[in-house]
């Protein structure tokens, strides 16, 4: 299996149950942030930055006290190097409806729960 297999599997799980009419482009240009609404009324953002160095951004409109931030590409350099737990997720606290994340070329899934 290639790394793309794990990314596609993760993406289909994260975006399962989204309302296609709810997609919002939050920011464009070199910073890309797309917000989706799940059928559970929870938001999911997919965000990345096309620059050379990571860039810190604030995601606002968060309606939960924490979000789960997961890179879209699994750890490892090839599919055969991916272990039983391919993704490293991080819980990030929301403050006043916002979270701070560092974006780079690897998309992040940012999930309310």
PDB file of N, CA and C in Angstrom:
ATOM      1  N   UNK A   1       0.840  -1.181   0.000  1.00  0.00           N
ATOM      2  CA  UNK A   1       0.000   0.000   0.000  1.00  0.00           C
ATOM      3  C   UNK A   1       0.882   1.240   0.000  1.00  0.00           C
ATOM      4  N   UNK A   2       0.463   2.231  -0.755  1.00  0.00           N
ATOM      5  CA  UNK A   2       1.200   3.486  -0.822  1.00  0.00           C
ATOM      6  C   UNK A   2       0.652   4.455   0.218  1.00  0.00           C
ATOM      7  N   UNK A   3       1.415   5.532   0.482  1.00  0.00           N
ATOM      8  CA  UNK A   3       0.967   6.532   1.458  1.00  0.00           C
ATOM      9  C   UNK A   3      -0.396   7.102   1.075  1.00  0.00           C
ATOM     10  N   UNK A   4      -0.650   7.251  -0.221  1.00  0.00           N
ATOM     11  CA  UNK A   4      -1.932   7.801  -0.679  1.00  0.00           C
ATOM     12  C   UNK A   4      -3.110   6.930  -0.246  1.00  0.00           C
ATOM     13  N   UNK A   5      -2.911   5.631  -0.133  1.00  0.00           N
ATOM     14  CA  UNK A   5      -3.975   4.746   0.334  1.00  0.00           C
ATOM     15  C   UNK A   5      -4.422   5.159   1.729  1.00  0.00           C
ATOM     16  N   UNK A   6      -3.461   5.368   2.626  1.00  0.00           N
ATOM     17  CA  UNK A   6      -3.783   5.740   4.010  1.00  0.00           C
ATOM     18  C   UNK A   6      -4.427   7.124   4.072  1.00  0.00           C
ATOM     19  N   UNK A   7      -3.936   8.046   3.242  1.00  0.00           N
ATOM     20  CA  UNK A   7      -4.519   9.387   3.191  1.00  0.00           C
ATOM     21  C   UNK A   7      -5.958   9.328   2.707  1.00  0.00           C
ATOM     22  N   UNK A   8      -6.211   8.583   1.657  1.00  0.00           N
ATOM     23  CA  UNK A   8      -7.571   8.480   1.117  1.00  0.00           C
ATOM     24  C   UNK A   8      -8.506   7.837   2.137  1.00  0.00           C
ATOM     25  N   UNK A   9      -8.041   6.799   2.800  1.00  0.00           N
ATOM     26  CA  UNK A   9      -8.854   6.126   3.824  1.00  0.00           C
ATOM     27  C   UNK A   9      -9.193   7.090   4.961  1.00  0.00           C
ATOM     28  N   UNK A  10      -8.202   7.861   5.404  1.00  0.00           N
ATOM     29  CA  UNK A  10      -8.422   8.833   6.479  1.00  0.00           C
ATOM     30  C   UNK A  10      -9.384   9.932   6.031  1.00  0.00           C
ATOM     31  N   UNK A  11      -9.174  10.443   4.818  1.00  0.00           N
ATOM     32  CA  UNK A  11     -10.017  11.518   4.296  1.00  0.00           C
ATOM     33  C   UNK A  11     -11.480  11.067   4.198  1.00  0.00           C
ATOM     34  N   UNK A  12     -11.721   9.864   3.716  1.00  0.00           N
ATOM     35  CA  UNK A  12     -13.108   9.406   3.594  1.00  0.00           C
ATOM     36  C   UNK A  12     -13.758   9.241   4.967  1.00  0.00           C
ATOM     37  N   UNK A  13     -12.974   8.857   5.978  1.00  0.00           N
ATOM     38  CA  UNK A  13     -13.538   8.749   7.326  1.00  0.00           C
ATOM     39  C   UNK A  13     -13.820  10.134   7.909  1.00  0.00           C
ATOM     40  N   UNK A  14     -12.876  11.061   7.748  1.00  0.00           N
ATOM     41  CA  UNK A  14     -13.032  12.406   8.318  1.00  0.00           C
ATOM     42  C   UNK A  14     -14.198  13.144   7.656  1.00  0.00           C
ATOM     43  N   UNK A  15     -14.346  12.999   6.352  1.00  0.00           N
ATOM     44  CA  UNK A  15     -15.378  13.744   5.627  1.00  0.00           C
ATOM     45  C   UNK A  15     -16.687  12.969   5.475  1.00  0.00           C
ATOM     46  N   UNK A  16     -16.780  11.822   6.098  1.00  0.00           N
ATOM     47  CA  UNK A  16     -18.010  11.032   6.039  1.00  0.00           C
ATOM     48  C   UNK A  16     -19.165  11.824   6.658  1.00  0.00           C
ATOM     49  N   UNK A  17     -20.277  11.863   5.958  1.00  0.00           N
ATOM     50  CA  UNK A  17     -21.469  12.523   6.478  1.00  0.00           C
ATOM     51  C   UNK A  17     -21.483  14.031   6.306  1.00  0.00           C
ATOM     52  N   UNK A  18     -20.594  14.586   5.477  1.00  0.00           N
ATOM     53  CA  UNK A  18     -20.624  16.035   5.293  1.00  0.00           C
ATOM     54  C   UNK A  18     -21.768  16.426   4.375  1.00  0.00           C
ATOM     55  N   UNK A  19     -22.235  17.625   4.559  1.00  0.00           N
ATOM     56  CA  UNK A  19     -23.256  18.204   3.703  1.00  0.00           C
ATOM     57  C   UNK A  19     -22.520  18.950   2.589  1.00  0.00           C
ATOM     58  N   UNK A  20     -22.631  18.477   1.357  1.00  0.00           N
ATOM     59  CA  UNK A  20     -21.903  19.094   0.249  1.00  0.00           C
ATOM     60  C   UNK A  20     -22.343  20.531  -0.015  1.00  0.00           C
ATOM     61  N   UNK A  21     -23.522  20.899   0.420  1.00  0.00           N
ATOM     62  CA  UNK A  21     -23.985  22.279   0.266  1.00  0.00           C
ATOM     63  C   UNK A  21     -23.411  23.212   1.338  1.00  0.00           C
ATOM     64  N   UNK A  22     -22.704  22.638   2.309  1.00  0.00           N
ATOM     65  CA  UNK A  22     -22.205  23.439   3.424  1.00  0.00           C
ATOM     66  C   UNK A  22     -20.745  23.846   3.274  1.00  0.00           C
ATOM     67  N   UNK A  23     -20.093  23.475   2.200  1.00  0.00           N
ATOM     68  CA  UNK A  23     -18.664  23.764   2.043  1.00  0.00           C
ATOM     69  C   UNK A  23     -18.447  25.268   1.953  1.00  0.00           C
ATOM     70  N   UNK A  24     -17.519  25.754   2.775  1.00  0.00           N
ATOM     71  CA  UNK A  24     -17.185  27.175   2.783  1.00  0.00           C
ATOM     72  C   UNK A  24     -15.691  27.326   2.596  1.00  0.00           C
ATOM     73  N   UNK A  25     -15.314  28.216   1.690  1.00  0.00           N
ATOM     74  CA  UNK A  25     -13.906  28.550   1.529  1.00  0.00           C
ATOM     75  C   UNK A  25     -13.629  29.678   2.511  1.00  0.00           C
ATOM     76  N   UNK A  26     -12.796  29.386   3.495  1.00  0.00           N
ATOM     77  CA  UNK A  26     -12.537  30.361   4.544  1.00  0.00           C
ATOM     78  C   UNK A  26     -11.416  31.309   4.124  1.00  0.00           C
ATOM     79  N   UNK A  27     -10.447  30.806   3.410  1.00  0.00           N
ATOM     80  CA  UNK A  27      -9.325  31.635   2.983  1.00  0.00           C
ATOM     81  C   UNK A  27      -8.729  31.021   1.725  1.00  0.00           C
ATOM     82  N   UNK A  28      -8.169  31.851   0.873  1.00  0.00           N
ATOM     83  CA  UNK A  28      -7.529  31.339  -0.331  1.00  0.00           C
ATOM     84  C   UNK A  28      -6.154  31.946  -0.515  1.00  0.00           C
ATOM     85  N   UNK A  29      -5.663  31.941  -1.727  1.00  0.00           N
ATOM     86  CA  UNK A  29      -4.310  32.354  -2.106  1.00  0.00           C
ATOM     87  C   UNK A  29      -3.329  31.288  -1.652  1.00  0.00           C
ATOM     88  N   UNK A  30      -2.268  31.668  -0.962  1.00  0.00           N
ATOM     89  CA  UNK A  30      -1.278  30.668  -0.552  1.00  0.00           C
ATOM     90  C   UNK A  30      -1.709  29.893   0.691  1.00  0.00           C
ATOM     91  N   UNK A  31      -2.728  30.368   1.405  1.00  0.00           N
ATOM     92  CA  UNK A  31      -3.311  29.648   2.539  1.00  0.00           C
ATOM     93  C   UNK A  31      -4.674  29.141   2.098  1.00  0.00           C
ATOM     94  N   UNK A  32      -4.864  27.845   2.198  1.00  0.00           N
ATOM     95  CA  UNK A  32      -6.139  27.244   1.785  1.00  0.00           C
ATOM     96  C   UNK A  32      -6.825  26.637   3.004  1.00  0.00           C
ATOM     97  N   UNK A  33      -8.038  27.109   3.286  1.00  0.00           N
ATOM     98  CA  UNK A  33      -8.824  26.577   4.400  1.00  0.00           C
ATOM     99  C   UNK A  33     -10.245  26.363   3.902  1.00  0.00           C
ATOM    100  N   UNK A  34     -10.690  25.131   4.004  1.00  0.00           N
ATOM    101  CA  UNK A  34     -12.056  24.780   3.606  1.00  0.00           C
ATOM    102  C   UNK A  34     -12.778  24.236   4.821  1.00  0.00           C
ATOM    103  N   UNK A  35     -13.994  24.716   5.044  1.00  0.00           N
ATOM    104  CA  UNK A  35     -14.784  24.259   6.183  1.00  0.00           C
ATOM    105  C   UNK A  35     -15.960  23.435   5.673  1.00  0.00           C
ATOM    106  N   UNK A  36     -16.143  22.281   6.271  1.00  0.00           N
ATOM    107  CA  UNK A  36     -17.234  21.373   5.946  1.00  0.00           C
ATOM    108  C   UNK A  36     -18.099  21.203   7.191  1.00  0.00           C
ATOM    109  N   UNK A  37     -19.379  20.920   6.994  1.00  0.00           N
ATOM    110  CA  UNK A  37     -20.270  20.636   8.111  1.00  0.00           C
ATOM    111  C   UNK A  37     -20.727  19.193   8.012  1.00  0.00           C
ATOM    112  N   UNK A  38     -20.508  18.447   9.076  1.00  0.00           N
ATOM    113  CA  UNK A  38     -20.972  17.059   9.131  1.00  0.00           C
ATOM    114  C   UNK A  38     -22.467  17.038   9.429  1.00  0.00           C
ATOM    115  N   UNK A  39     -23.077  15.895   9.205  1.00  0.00           N
ATOM    116  CA  UNK A  39     -24.499  15.742   9.504  1.00  0.00           C
ATOM    117  C   UNK A  39     -24.770  15.915  10.999  1.00  0.00           C
ATOM    118  N   UNK A  40     -23.745  15.780  11.829  1.00  0.00           N
ATOM    119  CA  UNK A  40     -23.874  15.976  13.280  1.00  0.00           C
ATOM    120  C   UNK A  40     -23.747  17.447  13.665  1.00  0.00           C
ATOM    121  N   UNK A  41     -23.702  18.356  12.671  1.00  0.00           N
ATOM    122  CA  UNK A  41     -23.504  19.792  12.875  1.00  0.00           C
ATOM    123  C   UNK A  41     -22.145  20.139  13.472  1.00  0.00           C
ATOM    124  N   UNK A  42     -21.192  19.239  13.353  1.00  0.00           N
ATOM    125  CA  UNK A  42     -19.816  19.517  13.763  1.00  0.00           C
ATOM    126  C   UNK A  42     -19.032  19.960  12.530  1.00  0.00           C
ATOM    127  N   UNK A  43     -18.137  20.916  12.722  1.00  0.00           N
ATOM    128  CA  UNK A  43     -17.307  21.401  11.626  1.00  0.00           C
ATOM    129  C   UNK A  43     -16.046  20.558  11.468  1.00  0.00           C
ATOM    130  N   UNK A  44     -15.587  20.487  10.234  1.00  0.00           N
ATOM    131  CA  UNK A  44     -14.292  19.912   9.883  1.00  0.00           C
ATOM    132  C   UNK A  44     -13.635  20.906   8.937  1.00  0.00           C
ATOM    133  N   UNK A  45     -12.391  21.261   9.224  1.00  0.00           N
ATOM    134  CA  UNK A  45     -11.620  22.121   8.322  1.00  0.00           C
ATOM    135  C   UNK A  45     -10.526  21.284   7.695  1.00  0.00           C
ATOM    136  N   UNK A  46     -10.240  21.558   6.440  1.00  0.00           N
ATOM    137  CA  UNK A  46      -9.069  20.998   5.771  1.00  0.00           C
ATOM    138  C   UNK A  46      -8.233  22.216   5.376  1.00  0.00           C
ATOM    139  N   UNK A  47      -6.991  22.256   5.850  1.00  0.00           N
ATOM    140  CA  UNK A  47      -6.193  23.464   5.675  1.00  0.00           C
ATOM    141  C   UNK A  47      -4.751  23.116   5.338  1.00  0.00           C
ATOM    142  N   UNK A  48      -4.116  23.958   4.504  1.00  0.00           N
ATOM    143  CA  UNK A  48      -2.701  23.824   4.193  1.00  0.00           C
ATOM    144  C   UNK A  48      -2.162  25.160   3.700  1.00  0.00           C
ATOM    145  N   UNK A  49      -0.846  25.232   3.608  1.00  0.00           N
ATOM    146  CA  UNK A  49      -0.142  26.434   3.170  1.00  0.00           C
ATOM    147  C   UNK A  49       0.880  26.020   2.118  1.00  0.00           C
ATOM    148  N   UNK A  50       0.896  26.715   0.993  1.00  0.00           N
ATOM    149  CA  UNK A  50       1.780  26.343  -0.104  1.00  0.00           C
ATOM    150  C   UNK A  50       3.146  27.016  -0.041  1.00  0.00           C
ATOM    151  N   UNK A  51       3.547  27.496   1.099  1.00  0.00           N
ATOM    152  CA  UNK A  51       4.846  28.147   1.232  1.00  0.00           C
ATOM    153  C   UNK A  51       5.951  27.171   1.604  1.00  0.00           C
ATOM    154  N   UNK A  52       7.156  27.693   1.701  1.00  0.00           N
ATOM    155  CA  UNK A  52       8.331  26.869   2.017  1.00  0.00           C
ATOM    156  C   UNK A  52       8.466  26.570   3.514  1.00  0.00           C
ATOM    157  N   UNK A  53       8.053  27.502   4.335  1.00  0.00           N
ATOM    158  CA  UNK A  53       8.155  27.364   5.793  1.00  0.00           C
ATOM    159  C   UNK A  53       6.750  27.282   6.384  1.00  0.00           C
ATOM    160  N   UNK A  54       6.584  26.592   7.518  1.00  0.00           N
ATOM    161  CA  UNK A  54       5.277  26.576   8.167  1.00  0.00           C
ATOM    162  C   UNK A  54       4.795  27.990   8.490  1.00  0.00           C
ATOM    163  N   UNK A  55       3.495  28.169   8.454  1.00  0.00           N
ATOM    164  CA  UNK A  55       2.899  29.479   8.740  1.00  0.00           C
ATOM    165  C   UNK A  55       1.803  29.295   9.782  1.00  0.00           C
ATOM    166  N   UNK A  56       1.842  30.104  10.831  1.00  0.00           N
ATOM    167  CA  UNK A  56       0.828  30.025  11.881  1.00  0.00           C
ATOM    168  C   UNK A  56      -0.407  30.805  11.451  1.00  0.00           C
ATOM    169  N   UNK A  57      -1.565  30.172  11.655  1.00  0.00           N
ATOM    170  CA  UNK A  57      -2.835  30.810  11.331  1.00  0.00           C
ATOM    171  C   UNK A  57      -3.822  30.556  12.463  1.00  0.00           C
ATOM    172  N   UNK A  58      -4.853  31.372  12.489  1.00  0.00           N
ATOM    173  CA  UNK A  58      -5.929  31.221  13.466  1.00  0.00           C
ATOM    174  C   UNK A  58      -7.168  30.748  12.712  1.00  0.00           C
ATOM    175  N   UNK A  59      -7.733  29.650  13.167  1.00  0.00           N
ATOM    176  CA  UNK A  59      -8.988  29.138  12.619  1.00  0.00           C
ATOM    177  C   UNK A  59     -10.075  29.583  13.588  1.00  0.00           C
ATOM    178  N   UNK A  60     -11.021  30.374  13.104  1.00  0.00           N
ATOM    179  CA  UNK A  60     -12.084  30.868  13.982  1.00  0.00           C
ATOM    180  C   UNK A  60     -13.400  30.189  13.645  1.00  0.00           C
ATOM    181  N   UNK A  61     -14.369  30.412  14.495  1.00  0.00           N
ATOM    182  CA  UNK A  61     -15.675  29.791  14.312  1.00  0.00           C
ATOM    183  C   UNK A  61     -15.776  28.406  14.916  1.00  0.00           C
ATOM    184  N   UNK A  62     -14.818  28.062  15.768  1.00  0.00           N
ATOM    185  CA  UNK A  62     -14.814  26.749  16.420  1.00  0.00           C
ATOM    186  C   UNK A  62     -15.871  26.751  17.509  1.00  0.00           C
ATOM    187  N   UNK A  63     -16.725  25.739  17.503  1.00  0.00           N
ATOM    188  CA  UNK A  63     -17.846  25.692  18.449  1.00  0.00           C
ATOM    189  C   UNK A  63     -17.658  24.656  19.545  1.00  0.00           C
ATOM    190  N   UNK A  64     -16.495  24.055  19.619  1.00  0.00           N
ATOM    191  CA  UNK A  64     -16.234  23.089  20.683  1.00  0.00           C
ATOM    192  C   UNK A  64     -15.005  23.531  21.462  1.00  0.00           C
ATOM    193  N   UNK A  65     -14.795  22.928  22.628  1.00  0.00           N
ATOM    194  CA  UNK A  65     -13.683  23.351  23.484  1.00  0.00           C
ATOM    195  C   UNK A  65     -12.340  22.810  23.007  1.00  0.00           C
ATOM    196  N   UNK A  66     -12.359  21.766  22.169  1.00  0.00           N
ATOM    197  CA  UNK A  66     -11.136  21.170  21.642  1.00  0.00           C
ATOM    198  C   UNK A  66     -11.378  20.715  20.209  1.00  0.00           C
ATOM    199  N   UNK A  67     -10.294  20.661  19.451  1.00  0.00           N
ATOM    200  CA  UNK A  67     -10.342  20.082  18.106  1.00  0.00           C
ATOM    201  C   UNK A  67      -9.248  19.031  18.006  1.00  0.00           C
ATOM    202  N   UNK A  68      -9.454  18.105  17.089  1.00  0.00           N
ATOM    203  CA  UNK A  68      -8.466  17.078  16.804  1.00  0.00           C
ATOM    204  C   UNK A  68      -7.774  17.460  15.502  1.00  0.00           C
ATOM    205  N   UNK A  69      -6.457  17.653  15.562  1.00  0.00           N
ATOM    206  CA  UNK A  69      -5.680  18.066  14.397  1.00  0.00           C
ATOM    207  C   UNK A  69      -4.845  16.871  13.931  1.00  0.00           C
ATOM    208  N   UNK A  70      -5.035  16.492  12.664  1.00  0.00           N
ATOM    209  CA  UNK A  70      -4.357  15.325  12.110  1.00  0.00           C
ATOM    210  C   UNK A  70      -3.772  15.654  10.745  1.00  0.00           C
ATOM    211  N   UNK A  71      -2.478  15.418  10.527  1.00  0.00           N
ATOM    212  CA  UNK A  71      -1.924  15.593   9.187  1.00  0.00           C
ATOM    213  C   UNK A  71      -2.553  14.584   8.228  1.00  0.00           C
ATOM    214  N   UNK A  72      -2.767  14.997   6.985  1.00  0.00           N
ATOM    215  CA  UNK A  72      -3.406  14.124   6.000  1.00  0.00           C
ATOM    216  C   UNK A  72      -2.471  13.053   5.453  1.00  0.00           C
ATOM    217  N   UNK A  73      -1.187  13.238   5.641  1.00  0.00           N
ATOM    218  CA  UNK A  73      -0.211  12.254   5.166  1.00  0.00           C
ATOM    219  C   UNK A  73       0.320  11.496   6.375  1.00  0.00           C
ATOM    220  N   UNK A  74       0.304  10.154   6.316  1.00  0.00           N
ATOM    221  CA  UNK A  74       0.763   9.386   7.470  1.00  0.00           C
ATOM    222  C   UNK A  74       2.260   9.522   7.698  1.00  0.00           C
ATOM    223  N   UNK A  75       2.673   9.173   8.914  1.00  0.00           N
ATOM    224  CA  UNK A  75       4.107   9.177   9.198  1.00  0.00           C
ATOM    225  C   UNK A  75       4.749   8.035   8.420  1.00  0.00           C
ATOM    226  N   UNK A  76       5.989   8.183   8.096  1.00  0.00           N
ATOM    227  CA  UNK A  76       6.690   7.198   7.282  1.00  0.00           C
ATOM    228  C   UNK A  76       6.994   7.765   5.910  1.00  0.00           C
ATOM    229  N   UNK A  77       7.953   7.192   5.249  1.00  0.00           N
ATOM    230  CA  UNK A  77       8.359   7.689   3.939  1.00  0.00           C
ATOM    231  C   UNK A  77       7.783   6.878   2.793  1.00  0.00           C
ATOM    232  N   UNK A  78       7.231   5.730   3.108  1.00  0.00           N
ATOM    233  CA  UNK A  78       6.607   4.872   2.090  1.00  0.00           C
ATOM    234  C   UNK A  78       5.554   4.023   2.776  1.00  0.00           C
ATOM    235  N   UNK A  79       4.637   3.489   1.999  1.00  0.00           N
ATOM    236  CA  UNK A  79       3.540   2.713   2.558  1.00  0.00           C
ATOM    237  C   UNK A  79       3.991   1.543   3.404  1.00  0.00           C
ATOM    238  N   UNK A  80       5.074   0.903   3.013  1.00  0.00           N
ATOM    239  CA  UNK A  80       5.541  -0.256   3.785  1.00  0.00           C
ATOM    240  C   UNK A  80       6.117   0.145   5.136  1.00  0.00           C
ATOM    241  N   UNK A  81       6.392   1.438   5.331  1.00  0.00           N
ATOM    242  CA  UNK A  81       6.914   1.914   6.613  1.00  0.00           C
ATOM    243  C   UNK A  81       5.819   2.369   7.573  1.00  0.00           C
ATOM    244  N   UNK A  82       4.575   2.340   7.138  1.00  0.00           N
ATOM    245  CA  UNK A  82       3.462   2.803   7.969  1.00  0.00           C
ATOM    246  C   UNK A  82       3.097   1.694   8.951  1.00  0.00           C
ATOM    247  N   UNK A  83       3.040   2.059  10.210  1.00  0.00           N
ATOM    248  CA  UNK A  83       2.742   1.074  11.245  1.00  0.00           C
ATOM    249  C   UNK A  83       1.250   0.930  11.495  1.00  0.00           C
ATOM    250  N   UNK A  84       0.915   0.345  12.629  1.00  0.00           N
ATOM    251  CA  UNK A  84      -0.479   0.091  12.989  1.00  0.00           C
ATOM    252  C   UNK A  84      -1.249   1.378  13.234  1.00  0.00           C
ATOM    253  N   UNK A  85      -0.566   2.423  13.661  1.00  0.00           N
ATOM    254  CA  UNK A  85      -1.211   3.722  13.901  1.00  0.00           C
ATOM    255  C   UNK A  85      -0.530   4.745  12.987  1.00  0.00           C
ATOM    256  N   UNK A  86      -1.045   4.891  11.750  1.00  0.00           N
ATOM    257  CA  UNK A  86      -0.333   5.694  10.754  1.00  0.00           C
ATOM    258  C   UNK A  86      -0.356   7.202  10.961  1.00  0.00           C
ATOM    259  N   UNK A  87      -1.316   7.729  11.727  1.00  0.00           N
ATOM    260  CA  UNK A  87      -1.445   9.174  11.873  1.00  0.00           C
ATOM    261  C   UNK A  87      -1.207   9.599  13.310  1.00  0.00           C
ATOM    262  N   UNK A  88      -0.525  10.731  13.474  1.00  0.00           N
ATOM    263  CA  UNK A  88      -0.312  11.311  14.793  1.00  0.00           C
ATOM    264  C   UNK A  88      -1.239  12.504  14.950  1.00  0.00           C
ATOM    265  N   UNK A  89      -2.273  12.346  15.736  1.00  0.00           N
ATOM    266  CA  UNK A  89      -3.235  13.423  15.971  1.00  0.00           C
ATOM    267  C   UNK A  89      -2.880  14.163  17.243  1.00  0.00           C
ATOM    268  N   UNK A  90      -3.334  15.399  17.309  1.00  0.00           N
ATOM    269  CA  UNK A  90      -3.061  16.246  18.463  1.00  0.00           C
ATOM    270  C   UNK A  90      -4.346  16.952  18.864  1.00  0.00           C
ATOM    271  N   UNK A  91      -4.661  16.922  20.157  1.00  0.00           N
ATOM    272  CA  UNK A  91      -5.797  17.680  20.668  1.00  0.00           C
ATOM    273  C   UNK A  91      -5.356  19.115  20.926  1.00  0.00           C
ATOM    274  N   UNK A  92      -6.107  20.056  20.391  1.00  0.00           N
ATOM    275  CA  UNK A  92      -5.781  21.467  20.559  1.00  0.00           C
ATOM    276  C   UNK A  92      -6.968  22.159  21.207  1.00  0.00           C
ATOM    277  N   UNK A  93      -6.702  22.918  22.275  1.00  0.00           N
ATOM    278  CA  UNK A  93      -7.762  23.654  22.970  1.00  0.00           C
ATOM    279  C   UNK A  93      -8.216  24.842  22.137  1.00  0.00           C
ATOM    280  N   UNK A  94      -9.507  25.057  22.162  1.00  0.00           N
ATOM    281  CA  UNK A  94     -10.094  26.230  21.521  1.00  0.00           C
ATOM    282  C   UNK A  94     -10.184  27.333  22.562  1.00  0.00           C
ATOM    283  N   UNK A  95      -9.804  28.541  22.158  1.00  0.00           N
ATOM    284  CA  UNK A  95      -9.909  29.694  23.052  1.00  0.00           C
ATOM    285  C   UNK A  95     -10.751  30.752  22.363  1.00  0.00           C
ATOM    286  N   UNK A  96     -11.867  31.101  22.966  1.00  0.00           N
ATOM    287  CA  UNK A  96     -12.780  32.116  22.423  1.00  0.00           C
ATOM    288  C   UNK A  96     -13.211  31.760  20.997  1.00  0.00           C
ATOM    289  N   UNK A  97     -13.425  30.483  20.733  1.00  0.00           N
ATOM    290  CA  UNK A  97     -13.904  30.051  19.423  1.00  0.00           C
ATOM    291  C   UNK A  97     -12.845  30.005  18.343  1.00  0.00           C
ATOM    292  N   UNK A  98     -11.568  29.975  18.745  1.00  0.00           N
ATOM    293  CA  UNK A  98     -10.479  29.936  17.772  1.00  0.00           C
ATOM    294  C   UNK A  98      -9.404  28.944  18.201  1.00  0.00           C
ATOM    295  N   UNK A  99      -8.689  28.415  17.213  1.00  0.00           N
ATOM    296  CA  UNK A  99      -7.524  27.577  17.478  1.00  0.00           C
ATOM    297  C   UNK A  99      -6.367  28.076  16.622  1.00  0.00           C
ATOM    298  N   UNK A 100      -5.174  27.959  17.158  1.00  0.00           N
ATOM    299  CA  UNK A 100      -3.960  28.316  16.432  1.00  0.00           C
ATOM    300  C   UNK A 100      -3.320  27.040  15.903  1.00  0.00           C
ATOM    301  N   UNK A 101      -2.999  27.021  14.627  1.00  0.00           N
ATOM    302  CA  UNK A 101      -2.328  25.875  14.023  1.00  0.00           C
ATOM    303  C   UNK A 101      -1.214  26.373  13.113  1.00  0.00           C
ATOM    304  N   UNK A 102      -0.228  25.530  12.917  1.00  0.00           N
ATOM    305  CA  UNK A 102       0.847  25.822  11.970  1.00  0.00           C
ATOM    306  C   UNK A 102       0.563  25.026  10.702  1.00  0.00           C
ATOM    307  N   UNK A 103       0.427  25.736   9.593  1.00  0.00           N
ATOM    308  CA  UNK A 103       0.138  25.086   8.312  1.00  0.00           C
ATOM    309  C   UNK A 103       1.399  24.986   7.477  1.00  0.00           C
ATOM    310  N   UNK A 104       1.459  23.968   6.672  1.00  0.00           N
ATOM    311  CA  UNK A 104       2.501  23.803   5.676  1.00  0.00           C
ATOM    312  C   UNK A 104       1.906  23.023   4.521  1.00  0.00           C
ATOM    313  N   UNK A 105       2.738  22.470   3.647  1.00  0.00           N
ATOM    314  CA  UNK A 105       2.228  21.847   2.423  1.00  0.00           C
ATOM    315  C   UNK A 105       1.429  20.570   2.658  1.00  0.00           C
ATOM    316  N   UNK A 106       1.565  19.942   3.810  1.00  0.00           N
ATOM    317  CA  UNK A 106       0.763  18.766   4.127  1.00  0.00           C
ATOM    318  C   UNK A 106      -0.564  19.230   4.708  1.00  0.00           C
ATOM    319  N   UNK A 107      -1.678  18.896   4.076  1.00  0.00           N
ATOM    320  CA  UNK A 107      -2.981  19.323   4.615  1.00  0.00           C
ATOM    321  C   UNK A 107      -3.223  18.783   6.021  1.00  0.00           C
ATOM    322  N   UNK A 108      -3.949  19.564   6.808  1.00  0.00           N
ATOM    323  CA  UNK A 108      -4.378  19.157   8.140  1.00  0.00           C
ATOM    324  C   UNK A 108      -5.875  18.960   8.150  1.00  0.00           C
ATOM    325  N   UNK A 109      -6.337  17.923   8.828  1.00  0.00           N
ATOM    326  CA  UNK A 109      -7.752  17.756   9.138  1.00  0.00           C
ATOM    327  C   UNK A 109      -7.934  18.308  10.543  1.00  0.00           C
ATOM    328  N   UNK A 110      -8.853  19.234  10.707  1.00  0.00           N
ATOM    329  CA  UNK A 110      -9.118  19.855  11.999  1.00  0.00           C
ATOM    330  C   UNK A 110     -10.583  19.570  12.310  1.00  0.00           C
ATOM    331  N   UNK A 111     -10.832  18.708  13.294  1.00  0.00           N
ATOM    332  CA  UNK A 111     -12.181  18.208  13.549  1.00  0.00           C
ATOM    333  C   UNK A 111     -12.712  18.648  14.908  1.00  0.00           C
ATOM    334  N   UNK A 112     -13.919  19.208  14.907  1.00  0.00           N
ATOM    335  CA  UNK A 112     -14.630  19.434  16.166  1.00  0.00           C
ATOM    336  C   UNK A 112     -15.165  18.092  16.647  1.00  0.00           C
ATOM    337  N   UNK A 113     -15.250  17.963  17.965  1.00  0.00           N
ATOM    338  CA  UNK A 113     -15.904  16.764  18.518  1.00  0.00           C
ATOM    339  C   UNK A 113     -16.509  17.058  19.849  1.00  0.00           C
TER     340      UNK A 113
END
